[in-house]
Amino acid sequence: MESKESIIRAMEQSGKPMKGSEIADASGVDKKDVDKLIKKLVAEGKIDSPVRCYYAIVK
């Protein structure tokens, strides 16, 4: 899915944990879609939440 790739790319470029709204701004994906995709990416083990409301790529 293209949106998942956009989210992961934006997070990789940032290099630091990001809020959902920051991910939406950086990736160009709608905030509501980002929220849904974050849940899927967390379930897949691709990202995690090191601090409440922030998300980072799992390395």
C-alpha atoms as a PDB file:
ATOM      1  CA  MET A   1       0.000   0.000   0.000  1.00  0.00           C
ATOM      2  CA  GLU A   2       1.434   3.342  -1.086  1.00  0.00           C
ATOM      3  CA  SER A   3       0.290   5.250   2.013  1.00  0.00           C
ATOM      4  CA  LYS A   4       2.101   2.866   4.363  1.00  0.00           C
ATOM      5  CA  GLU A   5       5.287   3.377   2.353  1.00  0.00           C
ATOM      6  CA  SER A   6       4.844   7.168   2.507  1.00  0.00           C
ATOM      7  CA  ILE A   7       4.441   7.037   6.281  1.00  0.00           C
ATOM      8  CA  ILE A   8       7.495   4.829   6.764  1.00  0.00           C
ATOM      9  CA  ARG A   9       9.571   6.998   4.409  1.00  0.00           C
ATOM     10  CA  ALA A  10       8.587  10.192   6.287  1.00  0.00           C
ATOM     11  CA  MET A  11       9.450   8.578   9.626  1.00  0.00           C
ATOM     12  CA  GLU A  12      12.815   7.335   8.348  1.00  0.00           C
ATOM     13  CA  GLN A  13      13.694  10.811   7.040  1.00  0.00           C
ATOM     14  CA  SER A  14      12.792  12.383  10.364  1.00  0.00           C
ATOM     15  CA  GLY A  15      15.040  10.080  12.348  1.00  0.00           C
ATOM     16  CA  LYS A  16      13.133  10.758  15.579  1.00  0.00           C
ATOM     17  CA  PRO A  17       9.791   9.738  17.106  1.00  0.00           C
ATOM     18  CA  MET A  18       6.880  11.656  15.583  1.00  0.00           C
ATOM     19  CA  LYS A  19       3.274  12.447  16.473  1.00  0.00           C
ATOM     20  CA  GLY A  20       0.502  11.353  14.114  1.00  0.00           C
ATOM     21  CA  SER A  21      -0.080  14.923  12.942  1.00  0.00           C
ATOM     22  CA  GLU A  22       3.638  15.358  12.184  1.00  0.00           C
ATOM     23  CA  ILE A  23       3.610  12.124  10.193  1.00  0.00           C
ATOM     24  CA  ALA A  24       0.553  13.327   8.256  1.00  0.00           C
ATOM     25  CA  ASP A  25       2.243  16.650   7.424  1.00  0.00           C
ATOM     26  CA  ALA A  26       5.534  15.014   6.409  1.00  0.00           C
ATOM     27  CA  SER A  27       3.978  12.212   4.351  1.00  0.00           C
ATOM     28  CA  GLY A  28       1.108  14.078   2.729  1.00  0.00           C
ATOM     29  CA  VAL A  29      -1.330  11.402   3.925  1.00  0.00           C
ATOM     30  CA  ASP A  30      -4.606  12.522   5.545  1.00  0.00           C
ATOM     31  CA  LYS A  31      -4.458  12.505   9.382  1.00  0.00           C
ATOM     32  CA  LYS A  32      -7.400  10.087   9.701  1.00  0.00           C
ATOM     33  CA  ASP A  33      -5.706   7.654   7.318  1.00  0.00           C
ATOM     34  CA  VAL A  34      -2.402   8.039   9.181  1.00  0.00           C
ATOM     35  CA  ASP A  35      -4.122   7.105  12.463  1.00  0.00           C
ATOM     36  CA  LYS A  36      -5.572   3.940  10.903  1.00  0.00           C
ATOM     37  CA  LEU A  37      -2.325   2.973   9.208  1.00  0.00           C
ATOM     38  CA  ILE A  38      -0.273   3.571  12.371  1.00  0.00           C
ATOM     39  CA  LYS A  39      -2.393   0.949  14.150  1.00  0.00           C
ATOM     40  CA  LYS A  40      -1.773  -1.514  11.306  1.00  0.00           C
ATOM     41  CA  LEU A  41       1.967  -0.794  11.222  1.00  0.00           C
ATOM     42  CA  VAL A  42       2.222  -1.255  15.006  1.00  0.00           C
ATOM     43  CA  ALA A  43       0.358  -4.592  14.724  1.00  0.00           C
ATOM     44  CA  GLU A  44       2.767  -5.654  11.957  1.00  0.00           C
ATOM     45  CA  GLY A  45       5.731  -4.759  14.175  1.00  0.00           C
ATOM     46  CA  LYS A  46       7.130  -2.153  11.767  1.00  0.00           C
ATOM     47  CA  ILE A  47       6.729   0.801  14.138  1.00  0.00           C
ATOM     48  CA  ASP A  48       6.278   1.194  17.869  1.00  0.00           C
ATOM     49  CA  SER A  49       5.418   3.866  20.401  1.00  0.00           C
ATOM     50  CA  PRO A  50       8.465   4.624  22.577  1.00  0.00           C
ATOM     51  CA  VAL A  51       6.628   7.522  24.252  1.00  0.00           C
ATOM     52  CA  ARG A  52       2.878   8.055  24.516  1.00  0.00           C
ATOM     53  CA  CYS A  53       1.466   9.554  21.276  1.00  0.00           C
ATOM     54  CA  TYR A  54       4.807   9.332  19.473  1.00  0.00           C
ATOM     55  CA  TYR A  55       5.794   6.662  16.949  1.00  0.00           C
ATOM     56  CA  ALA A  56       9.142   5.430  15.677  1.00  0.00           C
ATOM     57  CA  ILE A  57      10.452   2.857  13.200  1.00  0.00           C
ATOM     58  CA  VAL A  58      11.403  -0.485  14.771  1.00  0.00           C
ATOM     59  CA  LYS A  59      15.080  -1.181  14.121  1.00  0.00           C
END
